[in-house]
Every structure is written in structure tokens, then in C-alpha cells.
């Protein structure tokens, strides 16, 4: 069996739950789904990434991308 195929099946799937900011700073809330469970990550963002990701996430661009089901 090809080792690349094995590793790819073990990689998590990511889902962006929210892009927001609070007293601590700007962040993306991301769900990582592994074969044996899932975790939620708070991922800090710089200001440029926050602005671009927020507008993309708000427009639900990711929902319309092909082959992401």
C-alpha cells in the first residue's frame, strides 16, 4: 500500500465555525475532525488575515466550492 494514501486518510477534516474578535484578539474557531474524535481550535489571526477571512466566511464562499462535501 502506498504510504501517501495512508497518511492522507489520517489527516483531519477542518471546518471553520466562526471568524470573530474579542478582548483577546482576532481569531478563527475551527473544528478538526479526526477518525477517533474531534477538537475545536481557537486560531489567532493577524489583522489582514482576519479581514480577508471574515469577508470570505461571511459571504459563505466555502459553501459554494465544488468537491468540499
PDB file of N, CA and C in Angstrom:
ATOM      1  N   UNK A   1       0.851  -1.189   0.000  1.00  0.00           N
ATOM      2  CA  UNK A   1       0.000   0.000   0.000  1.00  0.00           C
ATOM      3  C   UNK A   1       0.883   1.234   0.000  1.00  0.00           C
ATOM      4  N   UNK A   2       0.472   2.240  -0.704  1.00  0.00           N
ATOM      5  CA  UNK A   2       1.200   3.491  -0.790  1.00  0.00           C
ATOM      6  C   UNK A   2       1.088   4.252   0.532  1.00  0.00           C
ATOM      7  N   UNK A   3       2.234   4.639   1.115  1.00  0.00           N
ATOM      8  CA  UNK A   3       2.231   5.347   2.401  1.00  0.00           C
ATOM      9  C   UNK A   3       1.546   6.708   2.306  1.00  0.00           C
ATOM     10  N   UNK A   4       1.598   7.355   1.150  1.00  0.00           N
ATOM     11  CA  UNK A   4       0.933   8.642   0.971  1.00  0.00           C
ATOM     12  C   UNK A   4      -0.570   8.498   1.165  1.00  0.00           C
ATOM     13  N   UNK A   5      -1.138   7.447   0.621  1.00  0.00           N
ATOM     14  CA  UNK A   5      -2.576   7.219   0.772  1.00  0.00           C
ATOM     15  C   UNK A   5      -2.926   6.991   2.238  1.00  0.00           C
ATOM     16  N   UNK A   6      -2.109   6.263   2.966  1.00  0.00           N
ATOM     17  CA  UNK A   6      -2.369   6.003   4.380  1.00  0.00           C
ATOM     18  C   UNK A   6      -2.347   7.307   5.170  1.00  0.00           C
ATOM     19  N   UNK A   7      -1.344   8.128   4.945  1.00  0.00           N
ATOM     20  CA  UNK A   7      -1.242   9.388   5.674  1.00  0.00           C
ATOM     21  C   UNK A   7      -2.405  10.317   5.351  1.00  0.00           C
ATOM     22  N   UNK A   8      -2.829  10.387   4.105  1.00  0.00           N
ATOM     23  CA  UNK A   8      -3.939  11.264   3.739  1.00  0.00           C
ATOM     24  C   UNK A   8      -5.226  10.875   4.436  1.00  0.00           C
ATOM     25  N   UNK A   9      -5.449   9.591   4.635  1.00  0.00           N
ATOM     26  CA  UNK A   9      -6.675   9.162   5.319  1.00  0.00           C
ATOM     27  C   UNK A   9      -6.645   9.518   6.795  1.00  0.00           C
ATOM     28  N   UNK A  10      -5.443   9.731   7.352  1.00  0.00           N
ATOM     29  CA  UNK A  10      -5.322  10.070   8.766  1.00  0.00           C
ATOM     30  C   UNK A  10      -5.381  11.567   9.019  1.00  0.00           C
ATOM     31  N   UNK A  11      -5.332  12.369   7.964  1.00  0.00           N
ATOM     32  CA  UNK A  11      -5.387  13.811   8.136  1.00  0.00           C
ATOM     33  C   UNK A  11      -6.790  14.235   8.569  1.00  0.00           C
ATOM     34  N   UNK A  12      -6.871  15.251   9.413  1.00  0.00           N
ATOM     35  CA  UNK A  12      -8.194  15.709   9.853  1.00  0.00           C
ATOM     36  C   UNK A  12      -8.903  16.500   8.763  1.00  0.00           C
ATOM     37  N   UNK A  13     -10.209  16.563   8.889  1.00  0.00           N
ATOM     38  CA  UNK A  13     -11.013  17.468   8.079  1.00  0.00           C
ATOM     39  C   UNK A  13     -11.219  18.713   8.928  1.00  0.00           C
ATOM     40  N   UNK A  14     -11.169  19.890   8.311  1.00  0.00           N
ATOM     41  CA  UNK A  14     -11.347  21.133   9.039  1.00  0.00           C
ATOM     42  C   UNK A  14     -12.641  21.817   8.624  1.00  0.00           C
ATOM     43  N   UNK A  15     -13.287  22.415   9.613  1.00  0.00           N
ATOM     44  CA  UNK A  15     -14.490  23.189   9.360  1.00  0.00           C
ATOM     45  C   UNK A  15     -14.364  24.512  10.108  1.00  0.00           C
ATOM     46  N   UNK A  16     -14.495  25.620   9.397  1.00  0.00           N
ATOM     47  CA  UNK A  16     -14.456  26.935  10.040  1.00  0.00           C
ATOM     48  C   UNK A  16     -15.829  27.187  10.651  1.00  0.00           C
ATOM     49  N   UNK A  17     -15.860  27.343  11.956  1.00  0.00           N
ATOM     50  CA  UNK A  17     -17.120  27.563  12.665  1.00  0.00           C
ATOM     51  C   UNK A  17     -17.445  29.049  12.791  1.00  0.00           C
ATOM     52  N   UNK A  18     -16.399  29.872  12.962  1.00  0.00           N
ATOM     53  CA  UNK A  18     -16.630  31.298  13.180  1.00  0.00           C
ATOM     54  C   UNK A  18     -15.326  32.053  12.929  1.00  0.00           C
ATOM     55  N   UNK A  19     -15.451  33.293  12.529  1.00  0.00           N
ATOM     56  CA  UNK A  19     -14.323  34.222  12.434  1.00  0.00           C
ATOM     57  C   UNK A  19     -14.777  35.451  13.193  1.00  0.00           C
ATOM     58  N   UNK A  20     -14.045  35.787  14.266  1.00  0.00           N
ATOM     59  CA  UNK A  20     -14.524  36.843  15.146  1.00  0.00           C
ATOM     60  C   UNK A  20     -13.353  37.515  15.844  1.00  0.00           C
ATOM     61  N   UNK A  21     -13.681  38.480  16.732  1.00  0.00           N
ATOM     62  CA  UNK A  21     -12.672  39.091  17.586  1.00  0.00           C
ATOM     63  C   UNK A  21     -13.307  39.394  18.932  1.00  0.00           C
ATOM     64  N   UNK A  22     -12.455  39.421  19.957  1.00  0.00           N
ATOM     65  CA  UNK A  22     -12.901  39.710  21.310  1.00  0.00           C
ATOM     66  C   UNK A  22     -11.807  40.495  22.026  1.00  0.00           C
ATOM     67  N   UNK A  23     -11.860  40.540  23.360  1.00  0.00           N
ATOM     68  CA  UNK A  23     -10.866  41.293  24.141  1.00  0.00           C
ATOM     69  C   UNK A  23      -9.448  40.748  23.951  1.00  0.00           C
ATOM     70  N   UNK A  24      -9.326  39.475  23.655  1.00  0.00           N
ATOM     71  CA  UNK A  24      -8.013  38.852  23.479  1.00  0.00           C
ATOM     72  C   UNK A  24      -7.438  39.144  22.096  1.00  0.00           C
ATOM     73  N   UNK A  25      -8.295  39.200  21.089  1.00  0.00           N
ATOM     74  CA  UNK A  25      -7.833  39.479  19.732  1.00  0.00           C
ATOM     75  C   UNK A  25      -8.711  38.837  18.676  1.00  0.00           C
ATOM     76  N   UNK A  26      -8.189  38.836  17.450  1.00  0.00           N
ATOM     77  CA  UNK A  26      -8.911  38.253  16.307  1.00  0.00           C
ATOM     78  C   UNK A  26      -8.620  36.755  16.241  1.00  0.00           C
ATOM     79  N   UNK A  27      -9.634  35.966  15.832  1.00  0.00           N
ATOM     80  CA  UNK A  27      -9.438  34.524  15.792  1.00  0.00           C
ATOM     81  C   UNK A  27     -10.419  33.846  14.842  1.00  0.00           C
ATOM     82  N   UNK A  28     -10.060  32.634  14.461  1.00  0.00           N
ATOM     83  CA  UNK A  28     -10.968  31.733  13.752  1.00  0.00           C
ATOM     84  C   UNK A  28     -11.216  30.555  14.685  1.00  0.00           C
ATOM     85  N   UNK A  29     -12.448  30.162  14.798  1.00  0.00           N
ATOM     86  CA  UNK A  29     -12.820  28.991  15.583  1.00  0.00           C
ATOM     87  C   UNK A  29     -12.956  27.841  14.583  1.00  0.00           C
ATOM     88  N   UNK A  30     -12.119  26.819  14.725  1.00  0.00           N
ATOM     89  CA  UNK A  30     -12.036  25.748  13.739  1.00  0.00           C
ATOM     90  C   UNK A  30     -12.270  24.399  14.408  1.00  0.00           C
ATOM     91  N   UNK A  31     -13.106  23.583  13.752  1.00  0.00           N
ATOM     92  CA  UNK A  31     -13.332  22.214  14.227  1.00  0.00           C
ATOM     93  C   UNK A  31     -12.457  21.292  13.381  1.00  0.00           C
ATOM     94  N   UNK A  32     -11.625  20.489  14.055  1.00  0.00           N
ATOM     95  CA  UNK A  32     -10.788  19.498  13.379  1.00  0.00           C
ATOM     96  C   UNK A  32     -11.376  18.125  13.681  1.00  0.00           C
ATOM     97  N   UNK A  33     -11.733  17.400  12.636  1.00  0.00           N
ATOM     98  CA  UNK A  33     -12.381  16.103  12.789  1.00  0.00           C
ATOM     99  C   UNK A  33     -11.385  15.010  12.409  1.00  0.00           C
ATOM    100  N   UNK A  34     -11.020  14.191  13.391  1.00  0.00           N
ATOM    101  CA  UNK A  34     -10.109  13.069  13.196  1.00  0.00           C
ATOM    102  C   UNK A  34     -10.916  11.777  13.181  1.00  0.00           C
ATOM    103  N   UNK A  35     -10.337  10.679  12.701  1.00  0.00           N
ATOM    104  CA  UNK A  35     -11.063   9.399  12.713  1.00  0.00           C
ATOM    105  C   UNK A  35     -11.517   8.985  14.118  1.00  0.00           C
ATOM    106  N   UNK A  36     -10.765   9.385  15.152  1.00  0.00           N
ATOM    107  CA  UNK A  36     -11.109   8.960  16.509  1.00  0.00           C
ATOM    108  C   UNK A  36     -11.749  10.052  17.356  1.00  0.00           C
ATOM    109  N   UNK A  37     -12.150  11.160  16.751  1.00  0.00           N
ATOM    110  CA  UNK A  37     -12.821  12.215  17.505  1.00  0.00           C
ATOM    111  C   UNK A  37     -12.599  13.574  16.886  1.00  0.00           C
ATOM    112  N   UNK A  38     -13.049  14.601  17.579  1.00  0.00           N
ATOM    113  CA  UNK A  38     -12.909  15.954  17.063  1.00  0.00           C
ATOM    114  C   UNK A  38     -12.500  16.904  18.171  1.00  0.00           C
ATOM    115  N   UNK A  39     -11.850  18.002  17.765  1.00  0.00           N
ATOM    116  CA  UNK A  39     -11.460  19.046  18.702  1.00  0.00           C
ATOM    117  C   UNK A  39     -11.808  20.392  18.082  1.00  0.00           C
ATOM    118  N   UNK A  40     -11.961  21.405  18.928  1.00  0.00           N
ATOM    119  CA  UNK A  40     -12.200  22.760  18.468  1.00  0.00           C
ATOM    120  C   UNK A  40     -10.972  23.591  18.817  1.00  0.00           C
ATOM    121  N   UNK A  41     -10.488  24.354  17.839  1.00  0.00           N
ATOM    122  CA  UNK A  41      -9.267  25.143  17.985  1.00  0.00           C
ATOM    123  C   UNK A  41      -9.618  26.620  17.861  1.00  0.00           C
ATOM    124  N   UNK A  42      -9.033  27.420  18.708  1.00  0.00           N
ATOM    125  CA  UNK A  42      -9.096  28.883  18.562  1.00  0.00           C
ATOM    126  C   UNK A  42      -7.768  29.283  17.934  1.00  0.00           C
ATOM    127  N   UNK A  43      -7.816  29.766  16.698  1.00  0.00           N
ATOM    128  CA  UNK A  43      -6.618  30.051  15.929  1.00  0.00           C
ATOM    129  C   UNK A  43      -6.485  31.554  15.785  1.00  0.00           C
ATOM    130  N   UNK A  44      -5.460  32.138  16.395  1.00  0.00           N
ATOM    131  CA  UNK A  44      -5.237  33.575  16.340  1.00  0.00           C
ATOM    132  C   UNK A  44      -4.926  34.044  14.927  1.00  0.00           C
ATOM    133  N   UNK A  45      -5.432  35.216  14.575  1.00  0.00           N
ATOM    134  CA  UNK A  45      -5.255  35.767  13.227  1.00  0.00           C
ATOM    135  C   UNK A  45      -4.643  37.168  13.295  1.00  0.00           C
ATOM    136  N   UNK A  46      -3.789  37.488  12.318  1.00  0.00           N
ATOM    137  CA  UNK A  46      -3.317  38.866  12.198  1.00  0.00           C
ATOM    138  C   UNK A  46      -4.437  39.694  11.552  1.00  0.00           C
ATOM    139  N   UNK A  47      -4.277  41.013  11.536  1.00  0.00           N
ATOM    140  CA  UNK A  47      -5.375  41.877  11.083  1.00  0.00           C
ATOM    141  C   UNK A  47      -5.725  41.673   9.605  1.00  0.00           C
ATOM    142  N   UNK A  48      -4.738  41.502   8.726  1.00  0.00           N
ATOM    143  CA  UNK A  48      -5.027  41.313   7.307  1.00  0.00           C
ATOM    144  C   UNK A  48      -5.745  39.983   7.052  1.00  0.00           C
ATOM    145  N   UNK A  49      -5.269  38.927   7.683  1.00  0.00           N
ATOM    146  CA  UNK A  49      -5.923  37.621   7.520  1.00  0.00           C
ATOM    147  C   UNK A  49      -7.341  37.663   8.072  1.00  0.00           C
ATOM    148  N   UNK A  50      -7.523  38.337   9.212  1.00  0.00           N
ATOM    149  CA  UNK A  50      -8.858  38.450   9.806  1.00  0.00           C
ATOM    150  C   UNK A  50      -9.837  39.114   8.842  1.00  0.00           C
ATOM    151  N   UNK A  51      -9.447  40.253   8.274  1.00  0.00           N
ATOM    152  CA  UNK A  51     -10.335  40.994   7.370  1.00  0.00           C
ATOM    153  C   UNK A  51     -10.703  40.136   6.162  1.00  0.00           C
ATOM    154  N   UNK A  52      -9.711  39.519   5.543  1.00  0.00           N
ATOM    155  CA  UNK A  52      -9.975  38.713   4.345  1.00  0.00           C
ATOM    156  C   UNK A  52     -10.777  37.450   4.657  1.00  0.00           C
ATOM    157  N   UNK A  53     -10.428  36.756   5.728  1.00  0.00           N
ATOM    158  CA  UNK A  53     -11.150  35.535   6.081  1.00  0.00           C
ATOM    159  C   UNK A  53     -12.565  35.850   6.546  1.00  0.00           C
ATOM    160  N   UNK A  54     -12.735  36.938   7.280  1.00  0.00           N
ATOM    161  CA  UNK A  54     -14.072  37.343   7.754  1.00  0.00           C
ATOM    162  C   UNK A  54     -14.997  37.618   6.573  1.00  0.00           C
ATOM    163  N   UNK A  55     -14.524  38.356   5.572  1.00  0.00           N
ATOM    164  CA  UNK A  55     -15.390  38.665   4.428  1.00  0.00           C
ATOM    165  C   UNK A  55     -15.682  37.416   3.607  1.00  0.00           C
ATOM    166  N   UNK A  56     -14.708  36.536   3.462  1.00  0.00           N
ATOM    167  CA  UNK A  56     -14.918  35.287   2.725  1.00  0.00           C
ATOM    168  C   UNK A  56     -15.880  34.374   3.477  1.00  0.00           C
ATOM    169  N   UNK A  57     -15.695  34.250   4.786  1.00  0.00           N
ATOM    170  CA  UNK A  57     -16.562  33.398   5.604  1.00  0.00           C
ATOM    171  C   UNK A  57     -17.985  33.961   5.643  1.00  0.00           C
ATOM    172  N   UNK A  58     -18.121  35.271   5.778  1.00  0.00           N
ATOM    173  CA  UNK A  58     -19.449  35.905   5.827  1.00  0.00           C
ATOM    174  C   UNK A  58     -20.216  35.711   4.518  1.00  0.00           C
ATOM    175  N   UNK A  59     -19.498  35.704   3.411  1.00  0.00           N
ATOM    176  CA  UNK A  59     -20.131  35.517   2.105  1.00  0.00           C
ATOM    177  C   UNK A  59     -20.402  34.041   1.810  1.00  0.00           C
ATOM    178  N   UNK A  60     -20.008  33.179   2.715  1.00  0.00           N
ATOM    179  CA  UNK A  60     -20.210  31.726   2.614  1.00  0.00           C
ATOM    180  C   UNK A  60     -19.605  31.168   1.330  1.00  0.00           C
ATOM    181  N   UNK A  61     -18.468  31.719   0.945  1.00  0.00           N
ATOM    182  CA  UNK A  61     -17.773  31.276  -0.261  1.00  0.00           C
ATOM    183  C   UNK A  61     -17.412  29.798  -0.167  1.00  0.00           C
ATOM    184  N   UNK A  62     -16.996  29.343   1.017  1.00  0.00           N
ATOM    185  CA  UNK A  62     -16.579  27.958   1.171  1.00  0.00           C
ATOM    186  C   UNK A  62     -17.729  26.976   0.929  1.00  0.00           C
ATOM    187  N   UNK A  63     -18.961  27.406   1.199  1.00  0.00           N
ATOM    188  CA  UNK A  63     -20.122  26.539   0.985  1.00  0.00           C
ATOM    189  C   UNK A  63     -20.370  26.268  -0.494  1.00  0.00           C
ATOM    190  N   UNK A  64     -19.915  27.180  -1.354  1.00  0.00           N
ATOM    191  CA  UNK A  64     -20.173  27.049  -2.779  1.00  0.00           C
ATOM    192  C   UNK A  64     -19.020  26.415  -3.558  1.00  0.00           C
ATOM    193  N   UNK A  65     -17.942  26.080  -2.868  1.00  0.00           N
ATOM    194  CA  UNK A  65     -16.793  25.493  -3.562  1.00  0.00           C
ATOM    195  C   UNK A  65     -17.081  24.036  -3.904  1.00  0.00           C
ATOM    196  N   UNK A  66     -16.762  23.615  -5.129  1.00  0.00           N
ATOM    197  CA  UNK A  66     -17.033  22.222  -5.524  1.00  0.00           C
ATOM    198  C   UNK A  66     -16.118  21.241  -4.802  1.00  0.00           C
ATOM    199  N   UNK A  67     -16.598  20.030  -4.646  1.00  0.00           N
ATOM    200  CA  UNK A  67     -15.831  18.918  -4.081  1.00  0.00           C
ATOM    201  C   UNK A  67     -15.423  19.128  -2.630  1.00  0.00           C
ATOM    202  N   UNK A  68     -16.174  19.900  -1.880  1.00  0.00           N
ATOM    203  CA  UNK A  68     -15.864  20.095  -0.463  1.00  0.00           C
ATOM    204  C   UNK A  68     -16.943  19.493   0.436  1.00  0.00           C
ATOM    205  N   UNK A  69     -17.601  18.463  -0.026  1.00  0.00           N
ATOM    206  CA  UNK A  69     -18.644  17.853   0.791  1.00  0.00           C
ATOM    207  C   UNK A  69     -18.123  16.703   1.577  1.00  0.00           C
TER     208      UNK A  69
END
